[in-house]
Amino acid sequence: MPLRSRSAGLIYDKLVGVVEALNAVGAKRGETKSAFDTALNRLSKGQGNALSQVKRLETMGVKGKKTMPAIRMGGEDVEALAEEAGELPAPALETEQSE
């Protein structure tokens, strides 16, 4: 087999390996994104989600030692997105005690 044919075959095989590896990474990336989206939805969507519960606690004056960081996705604040979509309920007003 001439040297050029052998070199071309090696290059071809290397590129096949690279494409296979990229396909594997792409599949894992999709699985990772799906898992991330699921976790984020559990945190920020639906009635009684964790972010709305924390916001409610903050309005009641509860403070922790740490400050809740903003959760960002695609350059946007998740809490702001959830509020715009009506996902975070307004804090409950304290009711007057009955006499």
PDB file of N, CA and C in Angstrom:
ATOM      1  N   MET A   1       0.855  -1.170   0.000  1.00  0.00           N
ATOM      2  CA  MET A   1       0.000   0.000   0.000  1.00  0.00           C
ATOM      3  C   MET A   1       0.899   1.229   0.000  1.00  0.00           C
ATOM      4  N   PRO A   2       0.661   2.157  -0.903  1.00  0.00           N
ATOM      5  CA  PRO A   2       1.496   3.364  -0.955  1.00  0.00           C
ATOM      6  C   PRO A   2       1.353   4.180   0.336  1.00  0.00           C
ATOM      7  N   LEU A   3       2.383   4.943   0.652  1.00  0.00           N
ATOM      8  CA  LEU A   3       2.436   5.758   1.869  1.00  0.00           C
ATOM      9  C   LEU A   3       1.264   6.729   1.950  1.00  0.00           C
ATOM     10  N   ARG A   4       0.914   7.364   0.814  1.00  0.00           N
ATOM     11  CA  ARG A   4      -0.204   8.321   0.808  1.00  0.00           C
ATOM     12  C   ARG A   4      -1.518   7.643   1.183  1.00  0.00           C
ATOM     13  N   SER A   5      -1.770   6.480   0.650  1.00  0.00           N
ATOM     14  CA  SER A   5      -3.008   5.756   0.952  1.00  0.00           C
ATOM     15  C   SER A   5      -3.072   5.393   2.424  1.00  0.00           C
ATOM     16  N   ARG A   6      -1.934   4.946   2.980  1.00  0.00           N
ATOM     17  CA  ARG A   6      -1.881   4.596   4.387  1.00  0.00           C
ATOM     18  C   ARG A   6      -2.124   5.825   5.260  1.00  0.00           C
ATOM     19  N   SER A   7      -1.481   6.945   4.924  1.00  0.00           N
ATOM     20  CA  SER A   7      -1.652   8.195   5.681  1.00  0.00           C
ATOM     21  C   SER A   7      -3.099   8.673   5.592  1.00  0.00           C
ATOM     22  N   ALA A   8      -3.668   8.621   4.406  1.00  0.00           N
ATOM     23  CA  ALA A   8      -5.060   9.044   4.220  1.00  0.00           C
ATOM     24  C   ALA A   8      -5.990   8.148   5.031  1.00  0.00           C
ATOM     25  N   GLY A   9      -5.709   6.854   5.047  1.00  0.00           N
ATOM     26  CA  GLY A   9      -6.530   5.921   5.831  1.00  0.00           C
ATOM     27  C   GLY A   9      -6.444   6.211   7.317  1.00  0.00           C
ATOM     28  N   LEU A  10      -5.229   6.526   7.810  1.00  0.00           N
ATOM     29  CA  LEU A  10      -5.053   6.858   9.231  1.00  0.00           C
ATOM     30  C   LEU A  10      -5.807   8.138   9.591  1.00  0.00           C
ATOM     31  N   ILE A  11      -5.709   9.132   8.717  1.00  0.00           N
ATOM     32  CA  ILE A  11      -6.420  10.388   8.952  1.00  0.00           C
ATOM     33  C   ILE A  11      -7.929  10.137   8.966  1.00  0.00           C
ATOM     34  N   TYR A  12      -8.389   9.360   8.014  1.00  0.00           N
ATOM     35  CA  TYR A  12      -9.811   9.033   7.933  1.00  0.00           C
ATOM     36  C   TYR A  12     -10.276   8.354   9.227  1.00  0.00           C
ATOM     37  N   ASP A  13      -9.515   7.362   9.679  1.00  0.00           N
ATOM     38  CA  ASP A  13      -9.877   6.636  10.895  1.00  0.00           C
ATOM     39  C   ASP A  13      -9.870   7.549  12.123  1.00  0.00           C
ATOM     40  N   LYS A  14      -8.901   8.465  12.187  1.00  0.00           N
ATOM     41  CA  LYS A  14      -8.851   9.422  13.302  1.00  0.00           C
ATOM     42  C   LYS A  14     -10.095  10.304  13.294  1.00  0.00           C
ATOM     43  N   LEU A  15     -10.482  10.781  12.119  1.00  0.00           N
ATOM     44  CA  LEU A  15     -11.665  11.634  12.023  1.00  0.00           C
ATOM     45  C   LEU A  15     -12.936  10.873  12.392  1.00  0.00           C
ATOM     46  N   VAL A  16     -13.018   9.620  12.008  1.00  0.00           N
ATOM     47  CA  VAL A  16     -14.161   8.791  12.407  1.00  0.00           C
ATOM     48  C   VAL A  16     -14.217   8.717  13.929  1.00  0.00           C
ATOM     49  N   GLY A  17     -13.073   8.506  14.560  1.00  0.00           N
ATOM     50  CA  GLY A  17     -13.015   8.448  16.020  1.00  0.00           C
ATOM     51  C   GLY A  17     -13.441   9.763  16.670  1.00  0.00           C
ATOM     52  N   VAL A  18     -13.011  10.880  16.095  1.00  0.00           N
ATOM     53  CA  VAL A  18     -13.381  12.195  16.622  1.00  0.00           C
ATOM     54  C   VAL A  18     -14.889  12.409  16.506  1.00  0.00           C
ATOM     55  N   VAL A  19     -15.463  12.073  15.354  1.00  0.00           N
ATOM     56  CA  VAL A  19     -16.907  12.229  15.151  1.00  0.00           C
ATOM     57  C   VAL A  19     -17.685  11.343  16.122  1.00  0.00           C
ATOM     58  N   GLU A  20     -17.236  10.113  16.321  1.00  0.00           N
ATOM     59  CA  GLU A  20     -17.892   9.222  17.279  1.00  0.00           C
ATOM     60  C   GLU A  20     -17.835   9.802  18.695  1.00  0.00           C
ATOM     61  N   ALA A  21     -16.675  10.352  19.067  1.00  0.00           N
ATOM     62  CA  ALA A  21     -16.527  10.953  20.394  1.00  0.00           C
ATOM     63  C   ALA A  21     -17.436  12.175  20.546  1.00  0.00           C
ATOM     64  N   LEU A  22     -17.517  13.006  19.512  1.00  0.00           N
ATOM     65  CA  LEU A  22     -18.393  14.175  19.556  1.00  0.00           C
ATOM     66  C   LEU A  22     -19.864  13.761  19.673  1.00  0.00           C
ATOM     67  N   ASN A  23     -20.232  12.713  18.959  1.00  0.00           N
ATOM     68  CA  ASN A  23     -21.607  12.213  19.066  1.00  0.00           C
ATOM     69  C   ASN A  23     -21.905  11.737  20.487  1.00  0.00           C
ATOM     70  N   ALA A  24     -20.947  11.066  21.106  1.00  0.00           N
ATOM     71  CA  ALA A  24     -21.127  10.595  22.483  1.00  0.00           C
ATOM     72  C   ALA A  24     -21.264  11.771  23.445  1.00  0.00           C
ATOM     73  N   VAL A  25     -20.432  12.799  23.261  1.00  0.00           N
ATOM     74  CA  VAL A  25     -20.512  14.002  24.098  1.00  0.00           C
ATOM     75  C   VAL A  25     -21.858  14.684  23.897  1.00  0.00           C
ATOM     76  N   GLY A  26     -22.306  14.781  22.658  1.00  0.00           N
ATOM     77  CA  GLY A  26     -23.600  15.396  22.375  1.00  0.00           C
ATOM     78  C   GLY A  26     -24.740  14.673  23.062  1.00  0.00           C
ATOM     79  N   ALA A  27     -24.692  13.342  23.060  1.00  0.00           N
ATOM     80  CA  ALA A  27     -25.739  12.559  23.725  1.00  0.00           C
ATOM     81  C   ALA A  27     -25.712  12.796  25.231  1.00  0.00           C
ATOM     82  N   LYS A  28     -24.530  12.809  25.823  1.00  0.00           N
ATOM     83  CA  LYS A  28     -24.399  13.056  27.262  1.00  0.00           C
ATOM     84  C   LYS A  28     -24.833  14.476  27.600  1.00  0.00           C
ATOM     85  N   ARG A  29     -24.507  15.414  26.732  1.00  0.00           N
ATOM     86  CA  ARG A  29     -24.901  16.812  26.942  1.00  0.00           C
ATOM     87  C   ARG A  29     -26.415  16.913  26.992  1.00  0.00           C
ATOM     88  N   GLY A  30     -27.084  16.198  26.099  1.00  0.00           N
ATOM     89  CA  GLY A  30     -28.536  16.196  26.094  1.00  0.00           C
ATOM     90  C   GLY A  30     -29.104  15.625  27.376  1.00  0.00           C
ATOM     91  N   GLU A  31     -28.524  14.527  27.854  1.00  0.00           N
ATOM     92  CA  GLU A  31     -28.962  13.916  29.112  1.00  0.00           C
ATOM     93  C   GLU A  31     -28.716  14.871  30.284  1.00  0.00           C
ATOM     94  N   THR A  32     -27.565  15.536  30.275  1.00  0.00           N
ATOM     95  CA  THR A  32     -27.225  16.472  31.342  1.00  0.00           C
ATOM     96  C   THR A  32     -28.189  17.650  31.339  1.00  0.00           C
ATOM     97  N   LYS A  33     -28.488  18.188  30.166  1.00  0.00           N
ATOM     98  CA  LYS A  33     -29.414  19.309  30.058  1.00  0.00           C
ATOM     99  C   LYS A  33     -30.795  18.902  30.553  1.00  0.00           C
ATOM    100  N   SER A  34     -31.219  17.712  30.209  1.00  0.00           N
ATOM    101  CA  SER A  34     -32.522  17.226  30.650  1.00  0.00           C
ATOM    102  C   SER A  34     -32.578  17.130  32.179  1.00  0.00           C
ATOM    103  N   ALA A  35     -31.529  16.588  32.781  1.00  0.00           N
ATOM    104  CA  ALA A  35     -31.474  16.469  34.238  1.00  0.00           C
ATOM    105  C   ALA A  35     -31.432  17.849  34.892  1.00  0.00           C
ATOM    106  N   PHE A  36     -30.675  18.777  34.311  1.00  0.00           N
ATOM    107  CA  PHE A  36     -30.599  20.144  34.818  1.00  0.00           C
ATOM    108  C   PHE A  36     -31.969  20.805  34.757  1.00  0.00           C
ATOM    109  N   ASP A  37     -32.649  20.676  33.622  1.00  0.00           N
ATOM    110  CA  ASP A  37     -33.979  21.272  33.457  1.00  0.00           C
ATOM    111  C   ASP A  37     -34.972  20.704  34.465  1.00  0.00           C
ATOM    112  N   THR A  38     -34.906  19.403  34.705  1.00  0.00           N
ATOM    113  CA  THR A  38     -35.796  18.769  35.681  1.00  0.00           C
ATOM    114  C   THR A  38     -35.553  19.343  37.070  1.00  0.00           C
ATOM    115  N   ALA A  39     -34.287  19.437  37.460  1.00  0.00           N
ATOM    116  CA  ALA A  39     -33.950  19.979  38.778  1.00  0.00           C
ATOM    117  C   ALA A  39     -34.381  21.441  38.892  1.00  0.00           C
ATOM    118  N   LEU A  40     -34.152  22.214  37.859  1.00  0.00           N
ATOM    119  CA  LEU A  40     -34.520  23.624  37.861  1.00  0.00           C
ATOM    120  C   LEU A  40     -36.033  23.791  37.947  1.00  0.00           C
ATOM    121  N   ASN A  41     -36.776  22.972  37.229  1.00  0.00           N
ATOM    122  CA  ASN A  41     -38.232  23.041  37.287  1.00  0.00           C
ATOM    123  C   ASN A  41     -38.742  22.703  38.681  1.00  0.00           C
ATOM    124  N   ARG A  42     -38.155  21.718  39.310  1.00  0.00           N
ATOM    125  CA  ARG A  42     -38.563  21.352  40.669  1.00  0.00           C
ATOM    126  C   ARG A  42     -38.280  22.487  41.647  1.00  0.00           C
ATOM    127  N   LEU A  43     -37.228  23.220  41.378  1.00  0.00           N
ATOM    128  CA  LEU A  43     -36.837  24.318  42.242  1.00  0.00           C
ATOM    129  C   LEU A  43     -37.708  25.549  42.028  1.00  0.00           C
ATOM    130  N   SER A  44     -38.093  25.832  40.779  1.00  0.00           N
ATOM    131  CA  SER A  44     -38.664  27.139  40.484  1.00  0.00           C
ATOM    132  C   SER A  44     -40.059  27.150  39.880  1.00  0.00           C
ATOM    133  N   LYS A  45     -40.649  26.010  39.575  1.00  0.00           N
ATOM    134  CA  LYS A  45     -41.949  26.009  38.897  1.00  0.00           C
ATOM    135  C   LYS A  45     -43.002  25.297  39.735  1.00  0.00           C
ATOM    136  N   GLY A  46     -44.227  25.647  39.474  1.00  0.00           N
ATOM    137  CA  GLY A  46     -45.339  24.980  40.141  1.00  0.00           C
ATOM    138  C   GLY A  46     -45.664  25.586  41.488  1.00  0.00           C
ATOM    139  N   GLN A  47     -46.879  25.356  41.918  1.00  0.00           N
ATOM    140  CA  GLN A  47     -47.338  25.886  43.182  1.00  0.00           C
ATOM    141  C   GLN A  47     -46.535  25.281  44.329  1.00  0.00           C
ATOM    142  N   GLY A  48     -46.083  26.136  45.228  1.00  0.00           N
ATOM    143  CA  GLY A  48     -45.336  25.667  46.388  1.00  0.00           C
ATOM    144  C   GLY A  48     -43.901  25.279  46.091  1.00  0.00           C
ATOM    145  N   ASN A  49     -43.341  25.789  44.984  1.00  0.00           N
ATOM    146  CA  ASN A  49     -41.958  25.445  44.660  1.00  0.00           C
ATOM    147  C   ASN A  49     -41.009  26.021  45.705  1.00  0.00           C
ATOM    148  N   ALA A  50     -39.794  25.525  45.697  1.00  0.00           N
ATOM    149  CA  ALA A  50     -38.819  25.905  46.727  1.00  0.00           C
ATOM    150  C   ALA A  50     -38.525  27.401  46.725  1.00  0.00           C
ATOM    151  N   LEU A  51     -38.404  28.012  45.552  1.00  0.00           N
ATOM    152  CA  LEU A  51     -38.106  29.445  45.513  1.00  0.00           C
ATOM    153  C   LEU A  51     -39.249  30.268  46.098  1.00  0.00           C
ATOM    154  N   SER A  52     -40.489  29.879  45.816  1.00  0.00           N
ATOM    155  CA  SER A  52     -41.610  30.632  46.377  1.00  0.00           C
ATOM    156  C   SER A  52     -41.664  30.457  47.893  1.00  0.00           C
ATOM    157  N   GLN A  53     -41.298  29.272  48.375  1.00  0.00           N
ATOM    158  CA  GLN A  53     -41.278  29.040  49.817  1.00  0.00           C
ATOM    159  C   GLN A  53     -40.219  29.917  50.494  1.00  0.00           C
ATOM    160  N   VAL A  54     -39.048  30.039  49.870  1.00  0.00           N
ATOM    161  CA  VAL A  54     -37.986  30.883  50.420  1.00  0.00           C
ATOM    162  C   VAL A  54     -38.423  32.339  50.403  1.00  0.00           C
ATOM    163  N   LYS A  55     -39.038  32.764  49.308  1.00  0.00           N
ATOM    164  CA  LYS A  55     -39.506  34.144  49.201  1.00  0.00           C
ATOM    165  C   LYS A  55     -40.537  34.425  50.293  1.00  0.00           C
ATOM    166  N   ARG A  56     -41.429  33.491  50.538  1.00  0.00           N
ATOM    167  CA  ARG A  56     -42.442  33.652  51.583  1.00  0.00           C
ATOM    168  C   ARG A  56     -41.763  33.764  52.947  1.00  0.00           C
ATOM    169  N   LEU A  57     -40.756  32.936  53.192  1.00  0.00           N
ATOM    170  CA  LEU A  57     -40.031  33.017  54.468  1.00  0.00           C
ATOM    171  C   LEU A  57     -39.352  34.374  54.631  1.00  0.00           C
ATOM    172  N   GLU A  58     -38.764  34.878  53.539  1.00  0.00           N
ATOM    173  CA  GLU A  58     -38.106  36.185  53.601  1.00  0.00           C
ATOM    174  C   GLU A  58     -39.103  37.282  53.956  1.00  0.00           C
ATOM    175  N   THR A  59     -40.314  37.224  53.392  1.00  0.00           N
ATOM    176  CA  THR A  59     -41.322  38.243  53.695  1.00  0.00           C
ATOM    177  C   THR A  59     -41.790  38.150  55.147  1.00  0.00           C
ATOM    178  N   MET A  60     -41.616  36.993  55.748  1.00  0.00           N
ATOM    179  CA  MET A  60     -41.984  36.809  57.154  1.00  0.00           C
ATOM    180  C   MET A  60     -40.845  37.213  58.083  1.00  0.00           C
ATOM    181  N   GLY A  61     -39.730  37.668  57.507  1.00  0.00           N
ATOM    182  CA  GLY A  61     -38.609  38.136  58.309  1.00  0.00           C
ATOM    183  C   GLY A  61     -37.567  37.088  58.623  1.00  0.00           C
ATOM    184  N   VAL A  62     -37.709  35.886  58.082  1.00  0.00           N
ATOM    185  CA  VAL A  62     -36.726  34.831  58.329  1.00  0.00           C
ATOM    186  C   VAL A  62     -35.443  35.168  57.583  1.00  0.00           C
ATOM    187  N   LYS A  63     -34.327  35.083  58.286  1.00  0.00           N
ATOM    188  CA  LYS A  63     -33.033  35.356  57.666  1.00  0.00           C
ATOM    189  C   LYS A  63     -32.084  34.213  57.988  1.00  0.00           C
ATOM    190  N   GLY A  64     -31.289  33.860  57.020  1.00  0.00           N
ATOM    191  CA  GLY A  64     -30.258  32.856  57.232  1.00  0.00           C
ATOM    192  C   GLY A  64     -28.907  33.535  57.344  1.00  0.00           C
ATOM    193  N   LYS A  65     -27.899  32.748  57.578  1.00  0.00           N
ATOM    194  CA  LYS A  65     -26.546  33.293  57.627  1.00  0.00           C
ATOM    195  C   LYS A  65     -26.029  33.598  56.228  1.00  0.00           C
ATOM    196  N   LYS A  66     -26.595  32.924  55.238  1.00  0.00           N
ATOM    197  CA  LYS A  66     -26.160  33.104  53.863  1.00  0.00           C
ATOM    198  C   LYS A  66     -27.227  33.837  53.069  1.00  0.00           C
ATOM    199  N   THR A  67     -26.805  34.477  51.995  1.00  0.00           N
ATOM    200  CA  THR A  67     -27.731  35.150  51.090  1.00  0.00           C
ATOM    201  C   THR A  67     -28.012  34.223  49.918  1.00  0.00           C
ATOM    202  N   MET A  68     -29.272  34.115  49.553  1.00  0.00           N
ATOM    203  CA  MET A  68     -29.657  33.264  48.424  1.00  0.00           C
ATOM    204  C   MET A  68     -29.111  33.871  47.136  1.00  0.00           C
ATOM    205  N   PRO A  69     -28.266  33.145  46.417  1.00  0.00           N
ATOM    206  CA  PRO A  69     -27.766  33.679  45.152  1.00  0.00           C
ATOM    207  C   PRO A  69     -28.846  33.586  44.080  1.00  0.00           C
ATOM    208  N   ALA A  70     -28.711  34.420  43.071  1.00  0.00           N
ATOM    209  CA  ALA A  70     -29.630  34.350  41.942  1.00  0.00           C
ATOM    210  C   ALA A  70     -29.338  33.077  41.159  1.00  0.00           C
ATOM    211  N   ILE A  71     -30.379  32.435  40.703  1.00  0.00           N
ATOM    212  CA  ILE A  71     -30.223  31.258  39.853  1.00  0.00           C
ATOM    213  C   ILE A  71     -30.369  31.743  38.428  1.00  0.00           C
ATOM    214  N   ARG A  72     -29.331  31.554  37.641  1.00  0.00           N
ATOM    215  CA  ARG A  72     -29.324  32.087  36.283  1.00  0.00           C
ATOM    216  C   ARG A  72     -29.369  30.958  35.277  1.00  0.00           C
ATOM    217  N   MET A  73     -30.150  31.180  34.226  1.00  0.00           N
ATOM    218  CA  MET A  73     -30.236  30.215  33.146  1.00  0.00           C
ATOM    219  C   MET A  73     -30.340  30.998  31.850  1.00  0.00           C
ATOM    220  N   GLY A  74     -29.409  30.769  30.958  1.00  0.00           N
ATOM    221  CA  GLY A  74     -29.430  31.481  29.686  1.00  0.00           C
ATOM    222  C   GLY A  74     -29.302  32.980  29.852  1.00  0.00           C
ATOM    223  N   GLY A  75     -28.576  33.418  30.884  1.00  0.00           N
ATOM    224  CA  GLY A  75     -28.362  34.838  31.104  1.00  0.00           C
ATOM    225  C   GLY A  75     -29.527  35.543  31.775  1.00  0.00           C
ATOM    226  N   GLU A  76     -30.556  34.814  32.182  1.00  0.00           N
ATOM    227  CA  GLU A  76     -31.721  35.413  32.814  1.00  0.00           C
ATOM    228  C   GLU A  76     -31.879  34.876  34.234  1.00  0.00           C
ATOM    229  N   ASP A  77     -32.399  35.707  35.093  1.00  0.00           N
ATOM    230  CA  ASP A  77     -32.656  35.325  36.476  1.00  0.00           C
ATOM    231  C   ASP A  77     -33.893  34.438  36.509  1.00  0.00           C
ATOM    232  N   VAL A  78     -33.753  33.214  36.998  1.00  0.00           N
ATOM    233  CA  VAL A  78     -34.855  32.249  37.016  1.00  0.00           C
ATOM    234  C   VAL A  78     -36.022  32.776  37.841  1.00  0.00           C
ATOM    235  N   GLU A  79     -35.747  33.396  38.967  1.00  0.00           N
ATOM    236  CA  GLU A  79     -36.824  33.905  39.817  1.00  0.00           C
ATOM    237  C   GLU A  79     -37.634  34.958  39.070  1.00  0.00           C
ATOM    238  N   ALA A  80     -36.954  35.843  38.357  1.00  0.00           N
ATOM    239  CA  ALA A  80     -37.660  36.870  37.588  1.00  0.00           C
ATOM    240  C   ALA A  80     -38.509  36.229  36.499  1.00  0.00           C
ATOM    241  N   LEU A  81     -37.990  35.212  35.846  1.00  0.00           N
ATOM    242  CA  LEU A  81     -38.752  34.518  34.815  1.00  0.00           C
ATOM    243  C   LEU A  81     -39.985  33.860  35.416  1.00  0.00           C
ATOM    244  N   ALA A  82     -39.831  33.246  36.587  1.00  0.00           N
ATOM    245  CA  ALA A  82     -40.948  32.576  37.237  1.00  0.00           C
ATOM    246  C   ALA A  82     -42.007  33.586  37.679  1.00  0.00           C
ATOM    247  N   GLU A  83     -41.567  34.746  38.186  1.00  0.00           N
ATOM    248  CA  GLU A  83     -42.518  35.774  38.597  1.00  0.00           C
ATOM    249  C   GLU A  83     -43.300  36.284  37.390  1.00  0.00           C
ATOM    250  N   GLU A  84     -42.606  36.512  36.271  1.00  0.00           N
ATOM    251  CA  GLU A  84     -43.277  36.990  35.062  1.00  0.00           C
ATOM    252  C   GLU A  84     -44.313  35.994  34.576  1.00  0.00           C
ATOM    253  N   ALA A  85     -44.048  34.719  34.760  1.00  0.00           N
ATOM    254  CA  ALA A  85     -44.975  33.685  34.309  1.00  0.00           C
ATOM    255  C   ALA A  85     -46.062  33.416  35.345  1.00  0.00           C
ATOM    256  N   GLY A  86     -46.019  34.140  36.456  1.00  0.00           N
ATOM    257  CA  GLY A  86     -47.013  33.942  37.497  1.00  0.00           C
ATOM    258  C   GLY A  86     -46.777  32.694  38.323  1.00  0.00           C
ATOM    259  N   GLU A  87     -45.562  32.185  38.320  1.00  0.00           N
ATOM    260  CA  GLU A  87     -45.254  30.957  39.046  1.00  0.00           C
ATOM    261  C   GLU A  87     -45.072  31.195  40.538  1.00  0.00           C
ATOM    262  N   LEU A  88     -44.594  32.380  40.913  1.00  0.00           N
ATOM    263  CA  LEU A  88     -44.364  32.644  42.325  1.00  0.00           C
ATOM    264  C   LEU A  88     -45.573  33.383  42.888  1.00  0.00           C
ATOM    265  N   PRO A  89     -46.247  32.821  43.856  1.00  0.00           N
ATOM    266  CA  PRO A  89     -47.419  33.490  44.409  1.00  0.00           C
ATOM    267  C   PRO A  89     -47.009  34.719  45.203  1.00  0.00           C
ATOM    268  N   ALA A  90     -47.883  35.691  45.241  1.00  0.00           N
ATOM    269  CA  ALA A  90     -47.622  36.883  46.035  1.00  0.00           C
ATOM    270  C   ALA A  90     -47.592  36.479  47.500  1.00  0.00           C
ATOM    271  N   PRO A  91     -46.783  37.165  48.305  1.00  0.00           N
ATOM    272  CA  PRO A  91     -46.730  36.817  49.719  1.00  0.00           C
ATOM    273  C   PRO A  91     -48.096  37.012  50.359  1.00  0.00           C
ATOM    274  N   ALA A  92     -48.461  36.104  51.245  1.00  0.00           N
ATOM    275  CA  ALA A  92     -49.753  36.195  51.931  1.00  0.00           C
ATOM    276  C   ALA A  92     -49.706  37.339  52.924  1.00  0.00           C
ATOM    277  N   LEU A  93     -50.778  38.126  52.949  1.00  0.00           N
ATOM    278  CA  LEU A  93     -50.866  39.223  53.908  1.00  0.00           C
ATOM    279  C   LEU A  93     -51.311  38.633  55.242  1.00  0.00           C
ATOM    280  N   GLU A  94     -50.779  39.213  56.297  1.00  0.00           N
ATOM    281  CA  GLU A  94     -51.183  38.743  57.616  1.00  0.00           C
ATOM    282  C   GLU A  94     -52.629  39.131  57.845  1.00  0.00           C
ATOM    283  N   THR A  95     -53.420  38.211  58.310  1.00  0.00           N
ATOM    284  CA  THR A  95     -54.823  38.490  58.578  1.00  0.00           C
ATOM    285  C   THR A  95     -54.966  39.005  60.001  1.00  0.00           C
ATOM    286  N   GLU A  96     -55.971  39.831  60.196  1.00  0.00           N
ATOM    287  CA  GLU A  96     -56.214  40.355  61.540  1.00  0.00           C
ATOM    288  C   GLU A  96     -56.739  39.222  62.405  1.00  0.00           C
ATOM    289  N   GLN A  97     -56.305  39.216  63.629  1.00  0.00           N
ATOM    290  CA  GLN A  97     -56.770  38.171  64.542  1.00  0.00           C
ATOM    291  C   GLN A  97     -58.209  38.474  64.929  1.00  0.00           C
ATOM    292  N   SER A  98     -58.991  37.426  65.034  1.00  0.00           N
ATOM    293  CA  SER A  98     -60.386  37.620  65.424  1.00  0.00           C
ATOM    294  C   SER A  98     -60.444  38.033  66.886  1.00  0.00           C
ATOM    295  N   GLU A  99     -61.453  38.861  67.176  1.00  0.00           N
ATOM    296  CA  GLU A  99     -61.582  39.393  68.546  1.00  0.00           C
ATOM    297  C   GLU A  99     -62.297  38.459  69.450  1.00  0.00           C
TER     298      GLU A  99
END
